PDB file of N, CA and C in Angstrom:
ATOM      1  N   MET A   1      32.546  13.690  44.373  1.00  0.00           N
ATOM      2  CA  MET A   1      32.832  15.102  44.239  1.00  0.00           C
ATOM      3  C   MET A   1      31.526  15.885  44.350  1.00  0.00           C
ATOM      4  N   PRO A   2      31.598  17.031  44.983  1.00  0.00           N
ATOM      5  CA  PRO A   2      30.394  17.868  45.058  1.00  0.00           C
ATOM      6  C   PRO A   2      30.065  18.483  43.703  1.00  0.00           C
ATOM      7  N   MET A   3      28.780  18.747  43.514  1.00  0.00           N
ATOM      8  CA  MET A   3      28.289  19.345  42.264  1.00  0.00           C
ATOM      9  C   MET A   3      27.692  20.708  42.556  1.00  0.00           C
ATOM     10  N   ILE A   4      27.858  21.588  41.613  1.00  0.00           N
ATOM     11  CA  ILE A   4      27.181  22.880  41.649  1.00  0.00           C
ATOM     12  C   ILE A   4      26.281  22.930  40.420  1.00  0.00           C
ATOM     13  N   ARG A   5      25.038  23.335  40.628  1.00  0.00           N
ATOM     14  CA  ARG A   5      24.102  23.512  39.513  1.00  0.00           C
ATOM     15  C   ARG A   5      24.136  24.979  39.104  1.00  0.00           C
ATOM     16  N   VAL A   6      24.332  25.200  37.818  1.00  0.00           N
ATOM     17  CA  VAL A   6      24.442  26.544  37.264  1.00  0.00           C
ATOM     18  C   VAL A   6      23.315  26.761  36.277  1.00  0.00           C
ATOM     19  N   GLN A   7      22.657  27.912  36.382  1.00  0.00           N
ATOM     20  CA  GLN A   7      21.625  28.282  35.412  1.00  0.00           C
ATOM     21  C   GLN A   7      22.086  29.535  34.683  1.00  0.00           C
ATOM     22  N   LEU A   8      22.065  29.465  33.364  1.00  0.00           N
ATOM     23  CA  LEU A   8      22.511  30.569  32.523  1.00  0.00           C
ATOM     24  C   LEU A   8      21.340  31.131  31.737  1.00  0.00           C
ATOM     25  N   ASP A   9      21.141  32.444  31.791  1.00  0.00           N
ATOM     26  CA  ASP A   9      20.096  33.070  30.990  1.00  0.00           C
ATOM     27  C   ASP A   9      20.358  32.810  29.515  1.00  0.00           C
ATOM     28  N   SER A  10      19.286  32.605  28.768  1.00  0.00           N
ATOM     29  CA  SER A  10      19.402  32.332  27.347  1.00  0.00           C
ATOM     30  C   SER A  10      18.158  32.856  26.652  1.00  0.00           C
ATOM     31  N   ASP A  11      18.096  32.659  25.361  1.00  0.00           N
ATOM     32  CA  ASP A  11      16.874  32.943  24.616  1.00  0.00           C
ATOM     33  C   ASP A  11      16.343  31.614  24.084  1.00  0.00           C
ATOM     34  N   ARG A  12      15.107  31.603  23.658  1.00  0.00           N
ATOM     35  CA  ARG A  12      14.471  30.348  23.216  1.00  0.00           C
ATOM     36  C   ARG A  12      15.217  29.691  22.055  1.00  0.00           C
ATOM     37  N   ASN A  13      15.663  30.472  21.091  1.00  0.00           N
ATOM     38  CA  ASN A  13      16.344  29.884  19.927  1.00  0.00           C
ATOM     39  C   ASN A  13      17.651  29.213  20.325  1.00  0.00           C
ATOM     40  N   THR A  14      18.442  29.875  21.155  1.00  0.00           N
ATOM     41  CA  THR A  14      19.697  29.277  21.613  1.00  0.00           C
ATOM     42  C   THR A  14      19.414  28.035  22.441  1.00  0.00           C
ATOM     43  N   ALA A  15      18.410  28.099  23.313  1.00  0.00           N
ATOM     44  CA  ALA A  15      18.060  26.945  24.150  1.00  0.00           C
ATOM     45  C   ALA A  15      17.684  25.747  23.274  1.00  0.00           C
ATOM     46  N   ARG A  16      16.899  25.988  22.231  1.00  0.00           N
ATOM     47  CA  ARG A  16      16.534  24.888  21.320  1.00  0.00           C
ATOM     48  C   ARG A  16      17.769  24.308  20.637  1.00  0.00           C
ATOM     49  N   GLN A  17      18.678  25.186  20.236  1.00  0.00           N
ATOM     50  CA  GLN A  17      19.909  24.739  19.576  1.00  0.00           C
ATOM     51  C   GLN A  17      20.745  23.882  20.535  1.00  0.00           C
ATOM     52  N   VAL A  18      20.859  24.314  21.784  1.00  0.00           N
ATOM     53  CA  VAL A  18      21.640  23.558  22.769  1.00  0.00           C
ATOM     54  C   VAL A  18      21.010  22.190  23.001  1.00  0.00           C
ATOM     55  N   VAL A  19      19.684  22.135  23.124  1.00  0.00           N
ATOM     56  CA  VAL A  19      18.990  20.862  23.339  1.00  0.00           C
ATOM     57  C   VAL A  19      19.198  19.942  22.139  1.00  0.00           C
ATOM     58  N   ARG A  20      19.056  20.471  20.928  1.00  0.00           N
ATOM     59  CA  ARG A  20      19.266  19.651  19.718  1.00  0.00           C
ATOM     60  C   ARG A  20      20.688  19.103  19.659  1.00  0.00           C
ATOM     61  N   LEU A  21      21.661  19.950  19.934  1.00  0.00           N
ATOM     62  CA  LEU A  21      23.049  19.493  19.942  1.00  0.00           C
ATOM     63  C   LEU A  21      23.257  18.393  20.976  1.00  0.00           C
ATOM     64  N   HIS A  22      22.720  18.591  22.164  1.00  0.00           N
ATOM     65  CA  HIS A  22      22.868  17.601  23.238  1.00  0.00           C
ATOM     66  C   HIS A  22      22.228  16.267  22.834  1.00  0.00           C
ATOM     67  N   GLN A  23      21.036  16.324  22.270  1.00  0.00           N
ATOM     68  CA  GLN A  23      20.347  15.099  21.860  1.00  0.00           C
ATOM     69  C   GLN A  23      21.100  14.371  20.758  1.00  0.00           C
ATOM     70  N   ALA A  24      21.849  15.116  19.948  1.00  0.00           N
ATOM     71  CA  ALA A  24      22.617  14.516  18.863  1.00  0.00           C
ATOM     72  C   ALA A  24      24.017  14.102  19.318  1.00  0.00           C
ATOM     73  N   GLY A  25      24.307  14.289  20.601  1.00  0.00           N
ATOM     74  CA  GLY A  25      25.610  13.906  21.125  1.00  0.00           C
ATOM     75  C   GLY A  25      26.665  14.990  21.007  1.00  0.00           C
ATOM     76  N   GLY A  26      26.246  16.195  20.636  1.00  0.00           N
ATOM     77  CA  GLY A  26      27.181  17.304  20.475  1.00  0.00           C
ATOM     78  C   GLY A  26      27.268  18.172  21.725  1.00  0.00           C
ATOM     79  N   ILE A  27      28.063  19.214  21.608  1.00  0.00           N
ATOM     80  CA  ILE A  27      28.292  20.135  22.724  1.00  0.00           C
ATOM     81  C   ILE A  27      28.132  21.561  22.220  1.00  0.00           C
ATOM     82  N   HIS A  28      27.425  22.381  22.982  1.00  0.00           N
ATOM     83  CA  HIS A  28      27.351  23.809  22.697  1.00  0.00           C
ATOM     84  C   HIS A  28      28.462  24.462  23.521  1.00  0.00           C
ATOM     85  N   TYR A  29      29.582  24.693  22.864  1.00  0.00           N
ATOM     86  CA  TYR A  29      30.796  25.105  23.565  1.00  0.00           C
ATOM     87  C   TYR A  29      30.662  26.457  24.264  1.00  0.00           C
ATOM     88  N   ASP A  30      29.938  27.398  23.668  1.00  0.00           N
ATOM     89  CA  ASP A  30      29.800  28.713  24.298  1.00  0.00           C
ATOM     90  C   ASP A  30      29.101  28.624  25.645  1.00  0.00           C
ATOM     91  N   SER A  31      28.005  27.869  25.718  1.00  0.00           N
ATOM     92  CA  SER A  31      27.286  27.776  26.992  1.00  0.00           C
ATOM     93  C   SER A  31      28.052  26.913  27.993  1.00  0.00           C
ATOM     94  N   ARG A  32      28.743  25.878  27.522  1.00  0.00           N
ATOM     95  CA  ARG A  32      29.544  25.062  28.438  1.00  0.00           C
ATOM     96  C   ARG A  32      30.661  25.906  29.052  1.00  0.00           C
ATOM     97  N   ASP A  33      31.298  26.737  28.231  1.00  0.00           N
ATOM     98  CA  ASP A  33      32.349  27.621  28.734  1.00  0.00           C
ATOM     99  C   ASP A  33      31.781  28.650  29.706  1.00  0.00           C
ATOM    100  N   ALA A  34      30.577  29.140  29.420  1.00  0.00           N
ATOM    101  CA  ALA A  34      29.933  30.102  30.322  1.00  0.00           C
ATOM    102  C   ALA A  34      29.601  29.456  31.664  1.00  0.00           C
ATOM    103  N   ALA A  35      29.193  28.189  31.654  1.00  0.00           N
ATOM    104  CA  ALA A  35      28.909  27.471  32.901  1.00  0.00           C
ATOM    105  C   ALA A  35      30.188  27.318  33.719  1.00  0.00           C
ATOM    106  N   ARG A  36      31.273  26.973  33.061  1.00  0.00           N
ATOM    107  CA  ARG A  36      32.563  26.841  33.750  1.00  0.00           C
ATOM    108  C   ARG A  36      32.983  28.189  34.345  1.00  0.00           C
ATOM    109  N   ALA A  37      32.821  29.257  33.578  1.00  0.00           N
ATOM    110  CA  ALA A  37      33.179  30.599  34.051  1.00  0.00           C
ATOM    111  C   ALA A  37      32.337  31.001  35.260  1.00  0.00           C
ATOM    112  N   GLU A  38      31.071  30.611  35.269  1.00  0.00           N
ATOM    113  CA  GLU A  38      30.196  30.920  36.404  1.00  0.00           C
ATOM    114  C   GLU A  38      30.672  30.216  37.674  1.00  0.00           C
ATOM    115  N   VAL A  39      31.131  28.980  37.539  1.00  0.00           N
ATOM    116  CA  VAL A  39      31.658  28.245  38.696  1.00  0.00           C
ATOM    117  C   VAL A  39      32.893  28.960  39.236  1.00  0.00           C
ATOM    118  N   TRP A  40      33.786  29.367  38.347  1.00  0.00           N
ATOM    119  CA  TRP A  40      34.964  30.123  38.775  1.00  0.00           C
ATOM    120  C   TRP A  40      34.537  31.421  39.449  1.00  0.00           C
ATOM    121  N   ARG A  41      33.539  32.113  38.875  1.00  0.00           N
ATOM    122  CA  ARG A  41      33.060  33.379  39.437  1.00  0.00           C
ATOM    123  C   ARG A  41      32.523  33.188  40.847  1.00  0.00           C
ATOM    124  N   ARG A  42      31.920  32.031  41.103  1.00  0.00           N
ATOM    125  CA  ARG A  42      31.392  31.722  42.441  1.00  0.00           C
ATOM    126  C   ARG A  42      32.488  31.307  43.419  1.00  0.00           C
ATOM    127  N   GLY A  43      33.716  31.208  42.941  1.00  0.00           N
ATOM    128  CA  GLY A  43      34.833  30.933  43.829  1.00  0.00           C
ATOM    129  C   GLY A  43      35.210  29.475  43.959  1.00  0.00           C
ATOM    130  N   HIS A  44      34.776  28.623  43.038  1.00  0.00           N
ATOM    131  CA  HIS A  44      35.092  27.199  43.096  1.00  0.00           C
ATOM    132  C   HIS A  44      35.938  26.797  41.890  1.00  0.00           C
ATOM    133  N   THR A  45      36.653  25.698  42.043  1.00  0.00           N
ATOM    134  CA  THR A  45      37.486  25.173  40.965  1.00  0.00           C
ATOM    135  C   THR A  45      36.791  23.969  40.328  1.00  0.00           C
ATOM    136  N   PRO A  46      36.463  24.055  39.035  1.00  0.00           N
ATOM    137  CA  PRO A  46      35.827  22.914  38.372  1.00  0.00           C
ATOM    138  C   PRO A  46      36.741  21.692  38.370  1.00  0.00           C
ATOM    139  N   ALA A  47      36.147  20.514  38.599  1.00  0.00           N
ATOM    140  CA  ALA A  47      36.895  19.261  38.590  1.00  0.00           C
ATOM    141  C   ALA A  47      36.660  18.485  37.306  1.00  0.00           C
ATOM    142  N   ALA A  48      35.653  18.869  36.549  1.00  0.00           N
ATOM    143  CA  ALA A  48      35.308  18.170  35.309  1.00  0.00           C
ATOM    144  C   ALA A  48      34.561  19.144  34.403  1.00  0.00           C
ATOM    145  N   GLU A  49      34.319  18.697  33.184  1.00  0.00           N
ATOM    146  CA  GLU A  49      33.566  19.528  32.243  1.00  0.00           C
ATOM    147  C   GLU A  49      32.113  19.661  32.712  1.00  0.00           C
ATOM    148  N   PRO A  50      31.495  20.834  32.508  1.00  0.00           N
ATOM    149  CA  PRO A  50      30.083  20.993  32.826  1.00  0.00           C
ATOM    150  C   PRO A  50      29.233  20.004  32.027  1.00  0.00           C
ATOM    151  N   VAL A  51      28.177  19.502  32.658  1.00  0.00           N
ATOM    152  CA  VAL A  51      27.265  18.541  32.038  1.00  0.00           C
ATOM    153  C   VAL A  51      25.915  19.221  31.841  1.00  0.00           C
ATOM    154  N   PHE A  52      25.450  19.263  30.585  1.00  0.00           N
ATOM    155  CA  PHE A  52      24.154  19.861  30.287  1.00  0.00           C
ATOM    156  C   PHE A  52      23.047  19.005  30.885  1.00  0.00           C
ATOM    157  N   VAL A  53      22.144  19.661  31.642  1.00  0.00           N
ATOM    158  CA  VAL A  53      21.048  18.962  32.306  1.00  0.00           C
ATOM    159  C   VAL A  53      19.729  19.210  31.589  1.00  0.00           C
ATOM    160  N   GLY A  54      19.528  20.437  31.122  1.00  0.00           N
ATOM    161  CA  GLY A  54      18.278  20.764  30.445  1.00  0.00           C
ATOM    162  C   GLY A  54      18.039  22.255  30.425  1.00  0.00           C
ATOM    163  N   ILE A  55      16.788  22.637  30.194  1.00  0.00           N
ATOM    164  CA  ILE A  55      16.410  24.041  30.181  1.00  0.00           C
ATOM    165  C   ILE A  55      15.212  24.242  31.099  1.00  0.00           C
ATOM    166  N   THR A  56      15.031  25.479  31.541  1.00  0.00           N
ATOM    167  CA  THR A  56      13.865  25.815  32.351  1.00  0.00           C
ATOM    168  C   THR A  56      12.745  26.272  31.431  1.00  0.00           C
ATOM    169  N   ASN A  57      11.545  26.323  31.964  1.00  0.00           N
ATOM    170  CA  ASN A  57      10.385  26.759  31.184  1.00  0.00           C
ATOM    171  C   ASN A  57      10.027  28.210  31.419  1.00  0.00           C
ATOM    172  N   GLY A  58      10.745  28.889  32.308  1.00  0.00           N
ATOM    173  CA  GLY A  58      10.401  30.259  32.674  1.00  0.00           C
ATOM    174  C   GLY A  58      10.861  31.278  31.656  1.00  0.00           C
ATOM    175  N   GLN A  59      10.618  32.513  32.008  1.00  0.00           N
ATOM    176  CA  GLN A  59      11.077  33.644  31.204  1.00  0.00           C
ATOM    177  C   GLN A  59      12.011  34.461  32.063  1.00  0.00           C
ATOM    178  N   PRO A  60      13.254  34.669  31.745  1.00  0.00           N
ATOM    179  CA  PRO A  60      13.877  34.134  30.546  1.00  0.00           C
ATOM    180  C   PRO A  60      14.169  32.648  30.708  1.00  0.00           C
ATOM    181  N   VAL A  61      14.250  31.971  29.593  1.00  0.00           N
ATOM    182  CA  VAL A  61      14.615  30.556  29.624  1.00  0.00           C
ATOM    183  C   VAL A  61      16.068  30.475  30.096  1.00  0.00           C
ATOM    184  N   ARG A  62      16.385  29.418  30.849  1.00  0.00           N
ATOM    185  CA  ARG A  62      17.755  29.246  31.346  1.00  0.00           C
ATOM    186  C   ARG A  62      18.283  27.875  30.953  1.00  0.00           C
ATOM    187  N   LEU A  63      19.564  27.837  30.640  1.00  0.00           N
ATOM    188  CA  LEU A  63      20.260  26.579  30.394  1.00  0.00           C
ATOM    189  C   LEU A  63      20.765  26.090  31.737  1.00  0.00           C
ATOM    190  N   VAL A  64      20.608  24.806  32.017  1.00  0.00           N
ATOM    191  CA  VAL A  64      20.996  24.254  33.305  1.00  0.00           C
ATOM    192  C   VAL A  64      22.167  23.288  33.104  1.00  0.00           C
ATOM    193  N   TYR A  65      23.231  23.516  33.871  1.00  0.00           N
ATOM    194  CA  TYR A  65      24.421  22.668  33.837  1.00  0.00           C
ATOM    195  C   TYR A  65      24.765  22.233  35.254  1.00  0.00           C
ATOM    196  N   ASP A  66      25.268  21.014  35.397  1.00  0.00           N
ATOM    197  CA  ASP A  66      25.870  20.540  36.641  1.00  0.00           C
ATOM    198  C   ASP A  66      27.375  20.512  36.435  1.00  0.00           C
ATOM    199  N   VAL A  67      28.105  21.008  37.425  1.00  0.00           N
ATOM    200  CA  VAL A  67      29.551  21.062  37.331  1.00  0.00           C
ATOM    201  C   VAL A  67      30.147  20.479  38.605  1.00  0.00           C
ATOM    202  N   GLU A  68      30.975  19.444  38.461  1.00  0.00           N
ATOM    203  CA  GLU A  68      31.699  18.908  39.607  1.00  0.00           C
ATOM    204  C   GLU A  68      32.783  19.895  39.992  1.00  0.00           C
ATOM    205  N   VAL A  69      32.946  20.099  41.302  1.00  0.00           N
ATOM    206  CA  VAL A  69      33.984  20.999  41.799  1.00  0.00           C
ATOM    207  C   VAL A  69      34.865  20.262  42.790  1.00  0.00           C
ATOM    208  N   HIS A  70      36.084  20.745  42.933  1.00  0.00           N
ATOM    209  CA  HIS A  70      37.002  20.165  43.909  1.00  0.00           C
ATOM    210  C   HIS A  70      36.516  20.518  45.305  1.00  0.00           C
ATOM    211  N   LEU A  71      36.507  19.536  46.165  1.00  0.00           N
ATOM    212  CA  LEU A  71      36.080  19.710  47.545  1.00  0.00           C
ATOM    213  C   LEU A  71      37.106  20.534  48.306  1.00  0.00           C
ATOM    214  N   GLY A  72      36.635  21.539  49.011  1.00  0.00           N
ATOM    215  CA  GLY A  72      37.509  22.308  49.883  1.00  0.00           C
ATOM    216  C   GLY A  72      38.391  23.315  49.196  1.00  0.00           C
ATOM    217  N   THR A  73      38.247  23.498  47.897  1.00  0.00           N
ATOM    218  CA  THR A  73      39.045  24.524  47.230  1.00  0.00           C
ATOM    219  C   THR A  73      38.137  25.639  46.776  1.00  0.00           C
ATOM    220  N   THR A  74      38.337  26.781  47.344  1.00  0.00           N
ATOM    221  CA  THR A  74      37.605  27.976  46.936  1.00  0.00           C
ATOM    222  C   THR A  74      38.607  29.092  46.749  1.00  0.00           C
ATOM    223  N   HIS A  75      38.247  30.068  45.993  1.00  0.00           N
ATOM    224  CA  HIS A  75      39.081  31.240  45.790  1.00  0.00           C
ATOM    225  C   HIS A  75      38.165  32.425  45.613  1.00  0.00           C
ATOM    226  N   ARG A  76      38.676  33.555  45.806  1.00  0.00           N
ATOM    227  CA  ARG A  76      37.888  34.794  45.644  1.00  0.00           C
ATOM    228  C   ARG A  76      38.693  35.830  44.954  1.00  0.00           C
TER     229      ARG A  76
END
């Protein structure tokens, strides 16, 4: 399945919280839902739950998710 990489603007405190949750085996549901919504906004249908990849070092800090999408299905 094809993947789309999504970057979501965040703040440092939230980014640290998401990383801690991920390292502990947890999920930050708000950012995962936002990643899914971004895929829909781009016109693709998610095929699986977004997977947290990490954070960027820039300003603003961004949360990075990979999301599998269905091949050949787009909507606008």
